[in-house]
């Protein structure tokens, strides 16, 4: 049974006339007769009485008419749904993002996207970087946005924004140079392994010749907010996104060191072989075209780069002869 056969049956049944039904569908009478006959023969049931040159519905035909109308109505609804999905008039886009991105960077962009496409829904899941990559690889999310490095041959990865890690503590920093020795002596509050913040910090520490496992780590906590709160309570220092610490810097509950660890790139993720919907394309295009996507303000600090002795210099001091590029996050 095909939808075309159902459409022909409905047209003929509503008119109880083979020629009129065929004309309504712009097909020949013989084509309409063949379709009706195929239905009857396939299911061994007569749908029409053929009396002289006229036709009328049998009891089976009247019962089938209601079912045919219902099936065709659902098919029309399904076709409309596909048209709406293609035209971004409806749909759900599943996105997974790591904590800093989901809590601070992404919400204003999603709000702007919703204003442009109010009929589209975004289902946002928050995971750390490694978990987010797993969600995209397993098809639980169509798009991922992460902070850390991921090496997965099934996933395409590209830069989509950035922020900057700041070194913060509860009280003001003194004038002592913040070098590798200072960092080794400090007491640290860390994010968990697998988070983008932790992996980015570890990369910068290695560039300074510091093995992360040699640091004095007082606490390892599972969220940016718990790390920030512990630092505000005086438990130690931490490296956190400028987006995360900005409220504390403004309130005076946190102070930033006169250094930074360089920009940290946010990456988009998608599965290389899975179909990417028009809704996903629209979101990525919106983020790309946003006025300043992912540009975190350098609140309370100046951009800096490490010196050869392991301490840090602000950018204006590093811009003289021989100055090289800062570390990339």
C-alpha atoms as a PDB file:
ATOM      1  CA  UNK A   1       0.000   0.000   0.000  1.00  0.00           C
ATOM      2  CA  UNK A   2       1.356   3.415  -0.943  1.00  0.00           C
ATOM      3  CA  UNK A   3       0.357   6.950  -0.055  1.00  0.00           C
ATOM      4  CA  UNK A   4      -0.376   7.532  -3.747  1.00  0.00           C
ATOM      5  CA  UNK A   5      -2.859   4.638  -3.745  1.00  0.00           C
ATOM      6  CA  UNK A   6      -4.512   6.112  -0.650  1.00  0.00           C
ATOM      7  CA  UNK A   7      -4.757   9.533  -2.285  1.00  0.00           C
ATOM      8  CA  UNK A   8      -6.397   8.019  -5.385  1.00  0.00           C
ATOM      9  CA  UNK A   9      -8.819   5.975  -3.285  1.00  0.00           C
ATOM     10  CA  UNK A  10      -9.775   9.066  -1.257  1.00  0.00           C
ATOM     11  CA  UNK A  11     -10.359  11.199  -4.363  1.00  0.00           C
ATOM     12  CA  UNK A  12     -12.525   8.534  -5.996  1.00  0.00           C
ATOM     13  CA  UNK A  13     -14.398   7.652  -2.798  1.00  0.00           C
ATOM     14  CA  UNK A  14     -15.281  11.259  -1.966  1.00  0.00           C
ATOM     15  CA  UNK A  15     -16.746  11.727  -5.448  1.00  0.00           C
ATOM     16  CA  UNK A  16     -17.941   8.156  -5.991  1.00  0.00           C
ATOM     17  CA  UNK A  17     -16.828   8.646  -9.563  1.00  0.00           C
ATOM     18  CA  UNK A  18     -13.662   7.212 -11.121  1.00  0.00           C
ATOM     19  CA  UNK A  19     -13.262   9.838 -13.842  1.00  0.00           C
ATOM     20  CA  UNK A  20     -13.928  12.776 -11.485  1.00  0.00           C
ATOM     21  CA  UNK A  21     -11.474  11.415  -8.942  1.00  0.00           C
ATOM     22  CA  UNK A  22      -8.813  10.922 -11.597  1.00  0.00           C
ATOM     23  CA  UNK A  23      -9.384  14.419 -12.952  1.00  0.00           C
ATOM     24  CA  UNK A  24      -8.984  15.936  -9.458  1.00  0.00           C
ATOM     25  CA  UNK A  25      -5.528  14.358  -9.209  1.00  0.00           C
ATOM     26  CA  UNK A  26      -4.593  15.129 -12.814  1.00  0.00           C
ATOM     27  CA  UNK A  27      -4.102  11.470 -13.690  1.00  0.00           C
ATOM     28  CA  UNK A  28      -5.788   9.239 -16.259  1.00  0.00           C
ATOM     29  CA  UNK A  29      -8.887   7.204 -15.465  1.00  0.00           C
ATOM     30  CA  UNK A  30      -6.995   4.012 -16.262  1.00  0.00           C
ATOM     31  CA  UNK A  31      -4.285   4.917 -13.730  1.00  0.00           C
ATOM     32  CA  UNK A  32      -6.921   5.547 -11.050  1.00  0.00           C
ATOM     33  CA  UNK A  33      -8.693   2.258 -11.872  1.00  0.00           C
ATOM     34  CA  UNK A  34      -5.408   0.357 -11.713  1.00  0.00           C
ATOM     35  CA  UNK A  35      -4.546   1.819  -8.294  1.00  0.00           C
ATOM     36  CA  UNK A  36      -7.943   0.898  -6.842  1.00  0.00           C
ATOM     37  CA  UNK A  37      -7.739  -2.588  -8.317  1.00  0.00           C
ATOM     38  CA  UNK A  38      -4.260  -3.070  -6.864  1.00  0.00           C
ATOM     39  CA  UNK A  39      -5.522  -2.189  -3.392  1.00  0.00           C
ATOM     40  CA  UNK A  40      -8.474  -4.546  -3.675  1.00  0.00           C
ATOM     41  CA  UNK A  41      -6.445  -7.424  -5.068  1.00  0.00           C
ATOM     42  CA  UNK A  42      -3.625  -7.015  -2.548  1.00  0.00           C
ATOM     43  CA  UNK A  43      -5.990  -7.243   0.412  1.00  0.00           C
ATOM     44  CA  UNK A  44      -8.708  -9.430  -1.133  1.00  0.00           C
ATOM     45  CA  UNK A  45     -11.489  -6.980  -0.372  1.00  0.00           C
ATOM     46  CA  UNK A  46     -13.871  -4.956  -2.545  1.00  0.00           C
ATOM     47  CA  UNK A  47     -13.951  -1.229  -1.788  1.00  0.00           C
ATOM     48  CA  UNK A  48     -16.560  -0.225  -4.380  1.00  0.00           C
ATOM     49  CA  UNK A  49     -19.780  -1.608  -5.767  1.00  0.00           C
ATOM     50  CA  UNK A  50     -19.678  -1.337  -9.533  1.00  0.00           C
ATOM     51  CA  UNK A  51     -23.302  -0.917 -10.658  1.00  0.00           C
ATOM     52  CA  UNK A  52     -23.680  -0.153 -14.333  1.00  0.00           C
ATOM     53  CA  UNK A  53     -21.480   2.839 -15.115  1.00  0.00           C
ATOM     54  CA  UNK A  54     -21.522   4.076 -11.491  1.00  0.00           C
ATOM     55  CA  UNK A  55     -19.637   3.149  -8.306  1.00  0.00           C
ATOM     56  CA  UNK A  56     -20.558   3.321  -4.613  1.00  0.00           C
ATOM     57  CA  UNK A  57     -18.587   2.473  -1.495  1.00  0.00           C
ATOM     58  CA  UNK A  58     -19.009  -0.948   0.048  1.00  0.00           C
ATOM     59  CA  UNK A  59     -19.186  -1.283   3.839  1.00  0.00           C
ATOM     60  CA  UNK A  60     -15.497  -2.162   3.782  1.00  0.00           C
ATOM     61  CA  UNK A  61     -14.887   0.908   1.633  1.00  0.00           C
ATOM     62  CA  UNK A  62     -16.675   3.188   4.112  1.00  0.00           C
ATOM     63  CA  UNK A  63     -14.619   1.821   7.025  1.00  0.00           C
ATOM     64  CA  UNK A  64     -11.400   2.123   5.032  1.00  0.00           C
ATOM     65  CA  UNK A  65     -12.232   5.692   4.012  1.00  0.00           C
ATOM     66  CA  UNK A  66     -11.896   6.926   7.629  1.00  0.00           C
ATOM     67  CA  UNK A  67      -8.557   5.144   8.024  1.00  0.00           C
ATOM     68  CA  UNK A  68      -7.254   6.466   4.716  1.00  0.00           C
ATOM     69  CA  UNK A  69      -8.145  10.030   5.679  1.00  0.00           C
ATOM     70  CA  UNK A  70      -6.329   9.633   9.022  1.00  0.00           C
ATOM     71  CA  UNK A  71      -3.202   8.188   7.405  1.00  0.00           C
ATOM     72  CA  UNK A  72      -3.060  10.930   4.777  1.00  0.00           C
ATOM     73  CA  UNK A  73      -3.588  13.596   7.435  1.00  0.00           C
ATOM     74  CA  UNK A  74      -0.620  12.196   9.394  1.00  0.00           C
ATOM     75  CA  UNK A  75       1.469  12.061   6.235  1.00  0.00           C
ATOM     76  CA  UNK A  76       0.629  15.715   5.537  1.00  0.00           C
ATOM     77  CA  UNK A  77       1.567  16.618   9.124  1.00  0.00           C
ATOM     78  CA  UNK A  78       4.860  14.749   8.771  1.00  0.00           C
ATOM     79  CA  UNK A  79       5.607  16.539   5.506  1.00  0.00           C
ATOM     80  CA  UNK A  80       4.827  19.886   7.146  1.00  0.00           C
ATOM     81  CA  UNK A  81       7.149  18.994  10.030  1.00  0.00           C
ATOM     82  CA  UNK A  82       9.993  18.298   7.626  1.00  0.00           C
ATOM     83  CA  UNK A  83       9.331  21.560   5.819  1.00  0.00           C
ATOM     84  CA  UNK A  84       9.326  23.408   9.153  1.00  0.00           C
ATOM     85  CA  UNK A  85      12.557  21.739  10.253  1.00  0.00           C
ATOM     86  CA  UNK A  86      14.215  22.652   6.979  1.00  0.00           C
ATOM     87  CA  UNK A  87      13.019  26.247   7.280  1.00  0.00           C
ATOM     88  CA  UNK A  88      13.996  26.496  11.006  1.00  0.00           C
ATOM     89  CA  UNK A  89      10.359  26.971  12.030  1.00  0.00           C
ATOM     90  CA  UNK A  90      10.622  24.184  14.604  1.00  0.00           C
ATOM     91  CA  UNK A  91      13.111  21.708  16.019  1.00  0.00           C
ATOM     92  CA  UNK A  92      15.339  20.846  18.968  1.00  0.00           C
ATOM     93  CA  UNK A  93      19.096  21.274  18.821  1.00  0.00           C
ATOM     94  CA  UNK A  94      21.060  19.295  21.398  1.00  0.00           C
ATOM     95  CA  UNK A  95      24.251  21.019  22.532  1.00  0.00           C
ATOM     96  CA  UNK A  96      26.779  19.975  25.159  1.00  0.00           C
ATOM     97  CA  UNK A  97      29.254  22.450  26.628  1.00  0.00           C
ATOM     98  CA  UNK A  98      31.888  22.440  29.325  1.00  0.00           C
ATOM     99  CA  UNK A  99      31.215  24.307  32.545  1.00  0.00           C
ATOM    100  CA  UNK A 100      32.796  27.708  31.953  1.00  0.00           C
ATOM    101  CA  UNK A 101      31.289  27.963  28.492  1.00  0.00           C
ATOM    102  CA  UNK A 102      27.815  26.791  29.522  1.00  0.00           C
ATOM    103  CA  UNK A 103      27.619  29.010  32.598  1.00  0.00           C
ATOM    104  CA  UNK A 104      29.260  32.229  31.350  1.00  0.00           C
ATOM    105  CA  UNK A 105      30.145  32.455  27.653  1.00  0.00           C
ATOM    106  CA  UNK A 106      27.284  30.701  25.898  1.00  0.00           C
ATOM    107  CA  UNK A 107      24.064  32.011  27.564  1.00  0.00           C
ATOM    108  CA  UNK A 108      24.126  35.509  25.978  1.00  0.00           C
ATOM    109  CA  UNK A 109      24.712  33.916  22.580  1.00  0.00           C
ATOM    110  CA  UNK A 110      21.838  31.468  23.076  1.00  0.00           C
ATOM    111  CA  UNK A 111      19.562  34.338  24.110  1.00  0.00           C
ATOM    112  CA  UNK A 112      20.388  36.198  20.899  1.00  0.00           C
ATOM    113  CA  UNK A 113      19.927  33.040  18.835  1.00  0.00           C
ATOM    114  CA  UNK A 114      16.496  32.470  20.407  1.00  0.00           C
ATOM    115  CA  UNK A 115      15.427  35.983  19.489  1.00  0.00           C
ATOM    116  CA  UNK A 116      16.338  35.279  15.879  1.00  0.00           C
ATOM    117  CA  UNK A 117      14.842  31.763  15.793  1.00  0.00           C
ATOM    118  CA  UNK A 118      12.118  31.719  18.471  1.00  0.00           C
ATOM    119  CA  UNK A 119      10.599  28.425  17.285  1.00  0.00           C
ATOM    120  CA  UNK A 120      13.842  26.474  17.776  1.00  0.00           C
ATOM    121  CA  UNK A 121      14.582  24.900  21.147  1.00  0.00           C
ATOM    122  CA  UNK A 122      18.088  24.384  22.520  1.00  0.00           C
ATOM    123  CA  UNK A 123      18.647  21.461  24.893  1.00  0.00           C
ATOM    124  CA  UNK A 124      21.924  22.307  26.667  1.00  0.00           C
ATOM    125  CA  UNK A 125      23.824  19.696  28.674  1.00  0.00           C
ATOM    126  CA  UNK A 126      26.765  20.652  30.905  1.00  0.00           C
ATOM    127  CA  UNK A 127      29.732  18.286  31.176  1.00  0.00           C
ATOM    128  CA  UNK A 128      33.474  18.642  31.542  1.00  0.00           C
ATOM    129  CA  UNK A 129      35.552  18.640  28.371  1.00  0.00           C
ATOM    130  CA  UNK A 130      36.164  14.890  28.161  1.00  0.00           C
ATOM    131  CA  UNK A 131      32.525  14.061  28.925  1.00  0.00           C
ATOM    132  CA  UNK A 132      31.318  16.597  26.350  1.00  0.00           C
ATOM    133  CA  UNK A 133      33.447  14.959  23.663  1.00  0.00           C
ATOM    134  CA  UNK A 134      31.959  11.579  24.574  1.00  0.00           C
ATOM    135  CA  UNK A 135      28.429  13.008  24.224  1.00  0.00           C
ATOM    136  CA  UNK A 136      29.171  14.247  20.696  1.00  0.00           C
ATOM    137  CA  UNK A 137      30.925  11.043  19.674  1.00  0.00           C
ATOM    138  CA  UNK A 138      28.006   8.906  20.929  1.00  0.00           C
ATOM    139  CA  UNK A 139      25.381  11.071  19.216  1.00  0.00           C
ATOM    140  CA  UNK A 140      23.817  12.379  22.439  1.00  0.00           C
ATOM    141  CA  UNK A 141      24.566  15.937  21.304  1.00  0.00           C
ATOM    142  CA  UNK A 142      24.951  17.312  17.793  1.00  0.00           C
ATOM    143  CA  UNK A 143      27.297  20.164  18.710  1.00  0.00           C
ATOM    144  CA  UNK A 144      29.833  20.434  21.532  1.00  0.00           C
ATOM    145  CA  UNK A 145      31.740  23.475  22.760  1.00  0.00           C
ATOM    146  CA  UNK A 146      34.723  22.774  24.997  1.00  0.00           C
ATOM    147  CA  UNK A 147      37.691  24.479  26.647  1.00  0.00           C
ATOM    148  CA  UNK A 148      40.348  21.771  26.615  1.00  0.00           C
ATOM    149  CA  UNK A 149      42.286  19.694  24.136  1.00  0.00           C
ATOM    150  CA  UNK A 150      40.597  16.603  22.687  1.00  0.00           C
ATOM    151  CA  UNK A 151      42.266  14.121  20.344  1.00  0.00           C
ATOM    152  CA  UNK A 152      39.495  11.983  18.877  1.00  0.00           C
ATOM    153  CA  UNK A 153      39.654  10.966  15.199  1.00  0.00           C
ATOM    154  CA  UNK A 154      35.835  10.723  15.035  1.00  0.00           C
ATOM    155  CA  UNK A 155      35.376  14.398  15.926  1.00  0.00           C
ATOM    156  CA  UNK A 156      35.963  17.581  13.944  1.00  0.00           C
ATOM    157  CA  UNK A 157      37.313  20.422  16.119  1.00  0.00           C
ATOM    158  CA  UNK A 158      37.721  24.102  15.306  1.00  0.00           C
ATOM    159  CA  UNK A 159      38.301  27.381  17.242  1.00  0.00           C
ATOM    160  CA  UNK A 160      35.058  29.134  18.109  1.00  0.00           C
ATOM    161  CA  UNK A 161      35.970  31.639  20.854  1.00  0.00           C
ATOM    162  CA  UNK A 162      38.382  32.293  23.686  1.00  0.00           C
ATOM    163  CA  UNK A 163      38.870  33.549  27.205  1.00  0.00           C
ATOM    164  CA  UNK A 164      41.858  33.909  29.531  1.00  0.00           C
ATOM    165  CA  UNK A 165      42.919  32.179  32.747  1.00  0.00           C
ATOM    166  CA  UNK A 166      43.703  34.494  35.651  1.00  0.00           C
ATOM    167  CA  UNK A 167      45.630  33.658  38.781  1.00  0.00           C
ATOM    168  CA  UNK A 168      43.527  34.755  41.771  1.00  0.00           C
ATOM    169  CA  UNK A 169      43.553  34.742  45.550  1.00  0.00           C
ATOM    170  CA  UNK A 170      41.490  36.264  48.345  1.00  0.00           C
ATOM    171  CA  UNK A 171      43.899  39.073  49.215  1.00  0.00           C
ATOM    172  CA  UNK A 172      46.011  41.450  47.131  1.00  0.00           C
ATOM    173  CA  UNK A 173      49.231  40.134  45.634  1.00  0.00           C
ATOM    174  CA  UNK A 174      52.454  41.694  46.872  1.00  0.00           C
ATOM    175  CA  UNK A 175      55.291  42.925  44.683  1.00  0.00           C
ATOM    176  CA  UNK A 176      57.195  39.633  44.677  1.00  0.00           C
ATOM    177  CA  UNK A 177      57.761  38.291  41.145  1.00  0.00           C
ATOM    178  CA  UNK A 178      55.394  35.474  40.281  1.00  0.00           C
ATOM    179  CA  UNK A 179      57.852  32.965  38.875  1.00  0.00           C
ATOM    180  CA  UNK A 180      58.103  29.183  38.851  1.00  0.00           C
ATOM    181  CA  UNK A 181      59.477  29.119  42.394  1.00  0.00           C
ATOM    182  CA  UNK A 182      56.590  31.276  43.670  1.00  0.00           C
ATOM    183  CA  UNK A 183      54.043  29.021  41.972  1.00  0.00           C
ATOM    184  CA  UNK A 184      55.638  25.908  43.513  1.00  0.00           C
ATOM    185  CA  UNK A 185      55.451  27.416  47.012  1.00  0.00           C
ATOM    186  CA  UNK A 186      51.806  28.468  46.703  1.00  0.00           C
ATOM    187  CA  UNK A 187      48.881  26.401  47.984  1.00  0.00           C
ATOM    188  CA  UNK A 188      46.504  25.572  45.128  1.00  0.00           C
ATOM    189  CA  UNK A 189      42.805  24.937  44.654  1.00  0.00           C
ATOM    190  CA  UNK A 190      42.301  22.917  41.468  1.00  0.00           C
ATOM    191  CA  UNK A 191      39.507  21.792  39.147  1.00  0.00           C
ATOM    192  CA  UNK A 192      39.208  18.054  38.568  1.00  0.00           C
ATOM    193  CA  UNK A 193      41.201  16.207  35.914  1.00  0.00           C
ATOM    194  CA  UNK A 194      39.305  16.069  32.627  1.00  0.00           C
ATOM    195  CA  UNK A 195      38.088  19.666  32.917  1.00  0.00           C
ATOM    196  CA  UNK A 196      39.192  22.213  30.346  1.00  0.00           C
ATOM    197  CA  UNK A 197      40.379  24.612  33.046  1.00  0.00           C
ATOM    198  CA  UNK A 198      42.633  21.951  34.575  1.00  0.00           C
ATOM    199  CA  UNK A 199      44.098  20.790  31.263  1.00  0.00           C
ATOM    200  CA  UNK A 200      44.817  24.378  30.173  1.00  0.00           C
ATOM    201  CA  UNK A 201      46.517  25.195  33.474  1.00  0.00           C
ATOM    202  CA  UNK A 202      48.607  22.018  33.259  1.00  0.00           C
ATOM    203  CA  UNK A 203      49.791  23.002  29.774  1.00  0.00           C
ATOM    204  CA  UNK A 204      50.919  26.438  30.972  1.00  0.00           C
ATOM    205  CA  UNK A 205      52.665  24.975  34.007  1.00  0.00           C
ATOM    206  CA  UNK A 206      54.595  22.551  31.794  1.00  0.00           C
ATOM    207  CA  UNK A 207      55.696  25.495  29.630  1.00  0.00           C
ATOM    208  CA  UNK A 208      57.113  27.081  32.770  1.00  0.00           C
ATOM    209  CA  UNK A 209      58.978  23.879  33.624  1.00  0.00           C
ATOM    210  CA  UNK A 210      56.614  22.972  36.461  1.00  0.00           C
ATOM    211  CA  UNK A 211      55.238  19.451  36.857  1.00  0.00           C
ATOM    212  CA  UNK A 212      51.629  19.900  38.062  1.00  0.00           C
ATOM    213  CA  UNK A 213      51.861  16.898  40.388  1.00  0.00           C
ATOM    214  CA  UNK A 214      54.654  18.622  42.352  1.00  0.00           C
ATOM    215  CA  UNK A 215      52.413  21.537  43.417  1.00  0.00           C
ATOM    216  CA  UNK A 216      50.919  21.889  46.887  1.00  0.00           C
ATOM    217  CA  UNK A 217      47.266  21.152  46.086  1.00  0.00           C
ATOM    218  CA  UNK A 218      44.941  21.678  49.033  1.00  0.00           C
ATOM    219  CA  UNK A 219      41.640  20.916  47.292  1.00  0.00           C
ATOM    220  CA  UNK A 220      40.425  19.438  44.017  1.00  0.00           C
ATOM    221  CA  UNK A 221      36.843  20.548  43.343  1.00  0.00           C
ATOM    222  CA  UNK A 222      34.341  19.680  40.598  1.00  0.00           C
ATOM    223  CA  UNK A 223      33.101  23.116  39.530  1.00  0.00           C
ATOM    224  CA  UNK A 224      34.310  26.651  38.859  1.00  0.00           C
ATOM    225  CA  UNK A 225      31.997  28.024  41.533  1.00  0.00           C
ATOM    226  CA  UNK A 226      33.296  25.695  44.258  1.00  0.00           C
ATOM    227  CA  UNK A 227      36.899  26.585  43.387  1.00  0.00           C
ATOM    228  CA  UNK A 228      36.093  30.307  43.386  1.00  0.00           C
ATOM    229  CA  UNK A 229      34.283  30.070  46.730  1.00  0.00           C
ATOM    230  CA  UNK A 230      37.193  28.176  48.307  1.00  0.00           C
ATOM    231  CA  UNK A 231      39.644  30.810  47.070  1.00  0.00           C
ATOM    232  CA  UNK A 232      37.429  33.617  48.396  1.00  0.00           C
ATOM    233  CA  UNK A 233      37.501  31.829  51.777  1.00  0.00           C
ATOM    234  CA  UNK A 234      41.290  32.013  51.763  1.00  0.00           C
ATOM    235  CA  UNK A 235      42.010  28.328  51.090  1.00  0.00           C
ATOM    236  CA  UNK A 236      44.622  29.039  48.409  1.00  0.00           C
ATOM    237  CA  UNK A 237      45.192  30.330  44.890  1.00  0.00           C
ATOM    238  CA  UNK A 238      43.582  29.158  41.671  1.00  0.00           C
ATOM    239  CA  UNK A 239      43.725  29.712  37.932  1.00  0.00           C
ATOM    240  CA  UNK A 240      40.201  30.350  36.657  1.00  0.00           C
ATOM    241  CA  UNK A 241      38.563  31.895  33.627  1.00  0.00           C
ATOM    242  CA  UNK A 242      38.303  35.668  33.626  1.00  0.00           C
ATOM    243  CA  UNK A 243      34.580  35.095  33.035  1.00  0.00           C
ATOM    244  CA  UNK A 244      34.309  33.119  36.283  1.00  0.00           C
ATOM    245  CA  UNK A 245      36.249  35.495  38.526  1.00  0.00           C
ATOM    246  CA  UNK A 246      34.954  38.816  37.138  1.00  0.00           C
ATOM    247  CA  UNK A 247      32.163  39.204  39.775  1.00  0.00           C
ATOM    248  CA  UNK A 248      34.608  38.511  42.611  1.00  0.00           C
ATOM    249  CA  UNK A 249      37.145  40.969  41.231  1.00  0.00           C
ATOM    250  CA  UNK A 250      34.496  43.675  41.019  1.00  0.00           C
ATOM    251  CA  UNK A 251      33.277  42.928  44.545  1.00  0.00           C
ATOM    252  CA  UNK A 252      36.793  42.850  46.006  1.00  0.00           C
ATOM    253  CA  UNK A 253      36.456  39.257  47.264  1.00  0.00           C
ATOM    254  CA  UNK A 254      39.104  38.164  44.763  1.00  0.00           C
ATOM    255  CA  UNK A 255      42.329  39.747  43.559  1.00  0.00           C
ATOM    256  CA  UNK A 256      44.142  38.902  40.327  1.00  0.00           C
ATOM    257  CA  UNK A 257      47.889  38.587  39.981  1.00  0.00           C
ATOM    258  CA  UNK A 258      49.487  41.096  37.571  1.00  0.00           C
ATOM    259  CA  UNK A 259      49.897  38.286  35.063  1.00  0.00           C
ATOM    260  CA  UNK A 260      47.830  35.933  32.966  1.00  0.00           C
ATOM    261  CA  UNK A 261      48.414  32.582  31.356  1.00  0.00           C
ATOM    262  CA  UNK A 262      47.655  33.721  27.816  1.00  0.00           C
ATOM    263  CA  UNK A 263      44.468  33.210  25.798  1.00  0.00           C
ATOM    264  CA  UNK A 264      42.570  29.944  26.062  1.00  0.00           C
ATOM    265  CA  UNK A 265      40.734  28.789  22.954  1.00  0.00           C
ATOM    266  CA  UNK A 266      37.193  27.444  23.005  1.00  0.00           C
ATOM    267  CA  UNK A 267      36.590  24.720  20.431  1.00  0.00           C
ATOM    268  CA  UNK A 268      33.488  23.588  18.597  1.00  0.00           C
ATOM    269  CA  UNK A 269      33.006  19.838  18.205  1.00  0.00           C
ATOM    270  CA  UNK A 270      30.915  17.760  15.835  1.00  0.00           C
ATOM    271  CA  UNK A 271      30.972  14.179  14.633  1.00  0.00           C
ATOM    272  CA  UNK A 272      32.659  13.939  11.246  1.00  0.00           C
ATOM    273  CA  UNK A 273      30.213  11.393   9.831  1.00  0.00           C
ATOM    274  CA  UNK A 274      26.873  12.327  11.402  1.00  0.00           C
ATOM    275  CA  UNK A 275      24.407  14.562   9.586  1.00  0.00           C
ATOM    276  CA  UNK A 276      24.528  18.186  10.749  1.00  0.00           C
ATOM    277  CA  UNK A 277      21.111  19.795  10.858  1.00  0.00           C
ATOM    278  CA  UNK A 278      20.216  23.229   9.556  1.00  0.00           C
ATOM    279  CA  UNK A 279      19.585  24.261  13.168  1.00  0.00           C
ATOM    280  CA  UNK A 280      23.197  23.374  14.032  1.00  0.00           C
ATOM    281  CA  UNK A 281      24.468  25.297  11.011  1.00  0.00           C
ATOM    282  CA  UNK A 282      22.351  28.282  12.043  1.00  0.00           C
ATOM    283  CA  UNK A 283      23.697  28.283  15.610  1.00  0.00           C
ATOM    284  CA  UNK A 284      27.312  28.024  14.500  1.00  0.00           C
ATOM    285  CA  UNK A 285      26.819  30.799  11.956  1.00  0.00           C
ATOM    286  CA  UNK A 286      25.192  32.976  14.619  1.00  0.00           C
ATOM    287  CA  UNK A 287      28.080  32.457  17.057  1.00  0.00           C
ATOM    288  CA  UNK A 288      30.619  33.209  14.331  1.00  0.00           C
ATOM    289  CA  UNK A 289      28.844  36.398  13.303  1.00  0.00           C
ATOM    290  CA  UNK A 290      28.205  37.650  16.847  1.00  0.00           C
ATOM    291  CA  UNK A 291      29.879  40.985  17.489  1.00  0.00           C
ATOM    292  CA  UNK A 292      32.627  39.709  19.812  1.00  0.00           C
ATOM    293  CA  UNK A 293      32.149  35.959  20.323  1.00  0.00           C
ATOM    294  CA  UNK A 294      34.176  34.528  23.160  1.00  0.00           C
ATOM    295  CA  UNK A 295      36.174  37.649  23.864  1.00  0.00           C
ATOM    296  CA  UNK A 296      36.409  37.673  27.636  1.00  0.00           C
ATOM    297  CA  UNK A 297      37.382  41.015  29.102  1.00  0.00           C
ATOM    298  CA  UNK A 298      40.702  41.029  30.891  1.00  0.00           C
ATOM    299  CA  UNK A 299      39.164  42.110  34.177  1.00  0.00           C
ATOM    300  CA  UNK A 300      41.662  43.220  36.781  1.00  0.00           C
ATOM    301  CA  UNK A 301      44.788  42.298  34.881  1.00  0.00           C
ATOM    302  CA  UNK A 302      47.011  43.119  31.944  1.00  0.00           C
ATOM    303  CA  UNK A 303      47.886  40.614  29.258  1.00  0.00           C
ATOM    304  CA  UNK A 304      51.241  39.039  29.970  1.00  0.00           C
ATOM    305  CA  UNK A 305      53.803  36.554  28.788  1.00  0.00           C
ATOM    306  CA  UNK A 306      56.386  34.525  30.713  1.00  0.00           C
ATOM    307  CA  UNK A 307      59.922  35.863  30.807  1.00  0.00           C
ATOM    308  CA  UNK A 308      62.916  33.629  30.285  1.00  0.00           C
ATOM    309  CA  UNK A 309      63.458  33.569  34.064  1.00  0.00           C
ATOM    310  CA  UNK A 310      59.964  32.095  34.596  1.00  0.00           C
ATOM    311  CA  UNK A 311      58.246  35.233  35.904  1.00  0.00           C
ATOM    312  CA  UNK A 312      55.749  37.326  33.979  1.00  0.00           C
ATOM    313  CA  UNK A 313      55.802  40.694  32.238  1.00  0.00           C
ATOM    314  CA  UNK A 314      52.777  42.748  31.164  1.00  0.00           C
ATOM    315  CA  UNK A 315      52.371  43.162  27.417  1.00  0.00           C
ATOM    316  CA  UNK A 316      53.617  46.722  27.227  1.00  0.00           C
ATOM    317  CA  UNK A 317      56.844  45.678  28.923  1.00  0.00           C
ATOM    318  CA  UNK A 318      57.103  42.676  26.637  1.00  0.00           C
ATOM    319  CA  UNK A 319      56.601  44.681  23.452  1.00  0.00           C
ATOM    320  CA  UNK A 320      60.154  45.942  23.195  1.00  0.00           C
ATOM    321  CA  UNK A 321      63.055  44.496  21.137  1.00  0.00           C
ATOM    322  CA  UNK A 322      63.276  40.738  21.331  1.00  0.00           C
ATOM    323  CA  UNK A 323      59.770  40.271  22.692  1.00  0.00           C
ATOM    324  CA  UNK A 324      58.192  37.035  21.530  1.00  0.00           C
ATOM    325  CA  UNK A 325      54.644  35.753  21.414  1.00  0.00           C
ATOM    326  CA  UNK A 326      52.928  34.667  24.613  1.00  0.00           C
ATOM    327  CA  UNK A 327      51.812  31.113  25.234  1.00  0.00           C
ATOM    328  CA  UNK A 328      48.630  29.980  23.553  1.00  0.00           C
ATOM    329  CA  UNK A 329      45.974  28.331  25.662  1.00  0.00           C
END
